[in-house]
Amino acid sequence: MSEARRDMRMLILLVQHGQAFDAVINATLDAGIADATVVEGQSLASIMRKDMPIFAGLAALLPQSIGSRALFAICAAEQASTLIGYLREIPKDDRPIAVSFPVDHYLGHDS
């Protein structure tokens, strides 16, 4: 692995619908992360409500969230740390779940 790729991170952000997705995207761009993938998702509670009638009676106990977006990016460790700092400024109720993992191997169009 080249010197420039040694300190890379796999970054995953999980944003529930209704949260401040625009603020998350702005923070991501402000951290210098422009190459990311966003995937629309559906919450487990939503699936249980619609597709598993045995759980329909429990609907009142399940969270009302119907889905989420997941953002995936491979970035420099410094960018991941900067982004996490920006995300801490978002109010707790709107803040995404954010994790990063070290990248042991990387192969892409720029490597």
C-alpha atoms as a PDB file:
ATOM      1  CA  MET A   1       0.000   0.000   0.000  1.00  0.00           C
ATOM      2  CA  SER A   2       1.406   3.386  -0.887  1.00  0.00           C
ATOM      3  CA  GLU A   3       2.286   5.984   1.747  1.00  0.00           C
ATOM      4  CA  ALA A   4      -0.723   8.123   0.752  1.00  0.00           C
ATOM      5  CA  ARG A   5      -3.154   5.224   1.343  1.00  0.00           C
ATOM      6  CA  ARG A   6      -1.815   4.029   4.700  1.00  0.00           C
ATOM      7  CA  ASP A   7      -4.205   5.955   6.941  1.00  0.00           C
ATOM      8  CA  MET A   8      -7.555   5.465   5.196  1.00  0.00           C
ATOM      9  CA  ARG A   9     -10.930   4.901   6.903  1.00  0.00           C
ATOM     10  CA  MET A  10     -14.203   3.309   5.854  1.00  0.00           C
ATOM     11  CA  LEU A  11     -16.838   5.756   7.038  1.00  0.00           C
ATOM     12  CA  ILE A  12     -20.479   4.779   7.536  1.00  0.00           C
ATOM     13  CA  LEU A  13     -23.195   7.272   8.491  1.00  0.00           C
ATOM     14  CA  LEU A  14     -26.763   6.165   9.232  1.00  0.00           C
ATOM     15  CA  VAL A  15     -29.307   8.968   9.016  1.00  0.00           C
ATOM     16  CA  GLN A  16     -32.935   8.356   9.963  1.00  0.00           C
ATOM     17  CA  HIS A  17     -35.554  10.014   7.746  1.00  0.00           C
ATOM     18  CA  GLY A  18     -36.671  13.230   9.323  1.00  0.00           C
ATOM     19  CA  GLN A  19     -33.217  13.975  10.663  1.00  0.00           C
ATOM     20  CA  ALA A  20     -31.042  16.764   9.337  1.00  0.00           C
ATOM     21  CA  PHE A  21     -29.805  15.019   6.184  1.00  0.00           C
ATOM     22  CA  ASP A  22     -28.879  18.337   4.542  1.00  0.00           C
ATOM     23  CA  ALA A  23     -26.712  19.218   7.557  1.00  0.00           C
ATOM     24  CA  VAL A  24     -25.022  15.803   7.330  1.00  0.00           C
ATOM     25  CA  ILE A  25     -24.287  16.253   3.617  1.00  0.00           C
ATOM     26  CA  ASN A  26     -22.960  19.791   4.210  1.00  0.00           C
ATOM     27  CA  ALA A  27     -20.724  18.531   7.038  1.00  0.00           C
ATOM     28  CA  THR A  28     -19.458  15.720   4.805  1.00  0.00           C
ATOM     29  CA  LEU A  29     -18.568  18.159   2.025  1.00  0.00           C
ATOM     30  CA  ASP A  30     -17.027  20.630   4.511  1.00  0.00           C
ATOM     31  CA  ALA A  31     -14.769  17.810   5.742  1.00  0.00           C
ATOM     32  CA  GLY A  32     -13.520  17.421   2.167  1.00  0.00           C
ATOM     33  CA  ILE A  33     -15.349  14.163   1.466  1.00  0.00           C
ATOM     34  CA  ALA A  34     -17.007  14.454  -1.931  1.00  0.00           C
ATOM     35  CA  ASP A  35     -16.790  10.860  -3.142  1.00  0.00           C
ATOM     36  CA  ALA A  36     -19.423   8.958  -1.164  1.00  0.00           C
ATOM     37  CA  THR A  37     -22.356   6.671  -1.847  1.00  0.00           C
ATOM     38  CA  VAL A  38     -25.813   7.210  -0.341  1.00  0.00           C
ATOM     39  CA  VAL A  39     -28.203   4.273  -0.093  1.00  0.00           C
ATOM     40  CA  GLU A  40     -31.888   4.554   0.823  1.00  0.00           C
ATOM     41  CA  GLY A  41     -32.994   2.050   3.439  1.00  0.00           C
ATOM     42  CA  GLN A  42     -36.029   0.872   5.297  1.00  0.00           C
ATOM     43  CA  SER A  43     -36.189   0.396   9.050  1.00  0.00           C
ATOM     44  CA  LEU A  44     -36.777  -3.011  10.570  1.00  0.00           C
ATOM     45  CA  ALA A  45     -39.873  -1.617  12.305  1.00  0.00           C
ATOM     46  CA  SER A  46     -41.306  -0.574   8.943  1.00  0.00           C
ATOM     47  CA  ILE A  47     -40.720  -4.024   7.481  1.00  0.00           C
ATOM     48  CA  MET A  48     -42.335  -5.646  10.498  1.00  0.00           C
ATOM     49  CA  ARG A  49     -45.411  -3.399  10.156  1.00  0.00           C
ATOM     50  CA  LYS A  50     -45.912  -4.054   6.443  1.00  0.00           C
ATOM     51  CA  ASP A  51     -44.614  -7.534   5.757  1.00  0.00           C
ATOM     52  CA  MET A  52     -44.998  -9.449   9.007  1.00  0.00           C
ATOM     53  CA  PRO A  53     -48.635  -9.373  10.145  1.00  0.00           C
ATOM     54  CA  ILE A  54     -47.814 -11.291  13.305  1.00  0.00           C
ATOM     55  CA  PHE A  55     -46.129  -8.104  14.555  1.00  0.00           C
ATOM     56  CA  ALA A  56     -48.887  -5.715  13.440  1.00  0.00           C
ATOM     57  CA  GLY A  57     -50.347  -5.663  16.958  1.00  0.00           C
ATOM     58  CA  LEU A  58     -47.028  -4.399  18.266  1.00  0.00           C
ATOM     59  CA  ALA A  59     -46.994  -1.421  15.883  1.00  0.00           C
ATOM     60  CA  ALA A  60     -47.766   1.028  18.692  1.00  0.00           C
ATOM     61  CA  LEU A  61     -44.623  -0.104  20.494  1.00  0.00           C
ATOM     62  CA  LEU A  62     -42.357   0.229  17.467  1.00  0.00           C
ATOM     63  CA  PRO A  63     -40.556   3.446  16.509  1.00  0.00           C
ATOM     64  CA  GLN A  64     -42.374   5.545  13.910  1.00  0.00           C
ATOM     65  CA  SER A  65     -39.259   5.915  11.758  1.00  0.00           C
ATOM     66  CA  ILE A  66     -39.925   4.462   8.330  1.00  0.00           C
ATOM     67  CA  GLY A  67     -36.487   4.460   6.839  1.00  0.00           C
ATOM     68  CA  SER A  68     -33.019   5.793   6.680  1.00  0.00           C
ATOM     69  CA  ARG A  69     -30.138   6.704   4.439  1.00  0.00           C
ATOM     70  CA  ALA A  70     -26.690   5.196   4.706  1.00  0.00           C
ATOM     71  CA  LEU A  71     -23.675   7.116   3.497  1.00  0.00           C
ATOM     72  CA  PHE A  72     -20.514   5.129   2.729  1.00  0.00           C
ATOM     73  CA  ALA A  73     -17.121   6.669   1.998  1.00  0.00           C
ATOM     74  CA  ILE A  74     -13.468   5.724   2.030  1.00  0.00           C
ATOM     75  CA  CYS A  75     -11.490   8.752   3.129  1.00  0.00           C
ATOM     76  CA  ALA A  76      -8.362   9.898   4.924  1.00  0.00           C
ATOM     77  CA  ALA A  77      -8.388   9.443   8.698  1.00  0.00           C
ATOM     78  CA  GLU A  78      -8.083  13.217   9.127  1.00  0.00           C
ATOM     79  CA  GLN A  79     -11.224  13.792   7.025  1.00  0.00           C
ATOM     80  CA  ALA A  80     -13.156  11.204   9.074  1.00  0.00           C
ATOM     81  CA  SER A  81     -12.086  12.895  12.336  1.00  0.00           C
ATOM     82  CA  THR A  82     -13.030  16.312  10.971  1.00  0.00           C
ATOM     83  CA  LEU A  83     -16.456  15.046   9.906  1.00  0.00           C
ATOM     84  CA  ILE A  84     -17.135  13.433  13.293  1.00  0.00           C
ATOM     85  CA  GLY A  85     -16.296  16.792  14.894  1.00  0.00           C
ATOM     86  CA  TYR A  86     -18.770  18.567  12.614  1.00  0.00           C
ATOM     87  CA  LEU A  87     -21.463  15.977  13.330  1.00  0.00           C
ATOM     88  CA  ARG A  88     -21.100  16.568  17.079  1.00  0.00           C
ATOM     89  CA  GLU A  89     -22.427  20.099  16.428  1.00  0.00           C
ATOM     90  CA  ILE A  90     -25.730  18.738  15.074  1.00  0.00           C
ATOM     91  CA  PRO A  91     -28.444  18.501  17.765  1.00  0.00           C
ATOM     92  CA  LYS A  92     -28.608  15.006  19.292  1.00  0.00           C
ATOM     93  CA  ASP A  93     -32.063  14.182  17.921  1.00  0.00           C
ATOM     94  CA  ASP A  94     -30.900  14.924  14.371  1.00  0.00           C
ATOM     95  CA  ARG A  95     -27.381  13.511  14.685  1.00  0.00           C
ATOM     96  CA  PRO A  96     -26.625  10.415  12.593  1.00  0.00           C
ATOM     97  CA  ILE A  97     -24.960   7.273  13.815  1.00  0.00           C
ATOM     98  CA  ALA A  98     -21.382   7.510  12.553  1.00  0.00           C
ATOM     99  CA  VAL A  99     -18.617   4.908  12.602  1.00  0.00           C
ATOM    100  CA  SER A 100     -15.258   4.572  10.925  1.00  0.00           C
ATOM    101  CA  PHE A 101     -12.978   1.586  10.506  1.00  0.00           C
ATOM    102  CA  PRO A 102      -9.355   1.330   9.398  1.00  0.00           C
ATOM    103  CA  VAL A 103      -8.937   0.196   5.790  1.00  0.00           C
ATOM    104  CA  ASP A 104      -6.329  -2.547   5.451  1.00  0.00           C
ATOM    105  CA  HIS A 105      -6.505  -2.804   1.665  1.00  0.00           C
ATOM    106  CA  TYR A 106      -7.755  -0.419  -0.963  1.00  0.00           C
ATOM    107  CA  LEU A 107      -8.216  -0.898  -4.693  1.00  0.00           C
ATOM    108  CA  GLY A 108      -9.999   1.705  -6.763  1.00  0.00           C
ATOM    109  CA  HIS A 109      -9.709   3.650  -9.986  1.00  0.00           C
ATOM    110  CA  ASP A 110      -7.112   5.970  -8.439  1.00  0.00           C
ATOM    111  CA  SER A 111      -4.858   3.204  -7.114  1.00  0.00           C
END
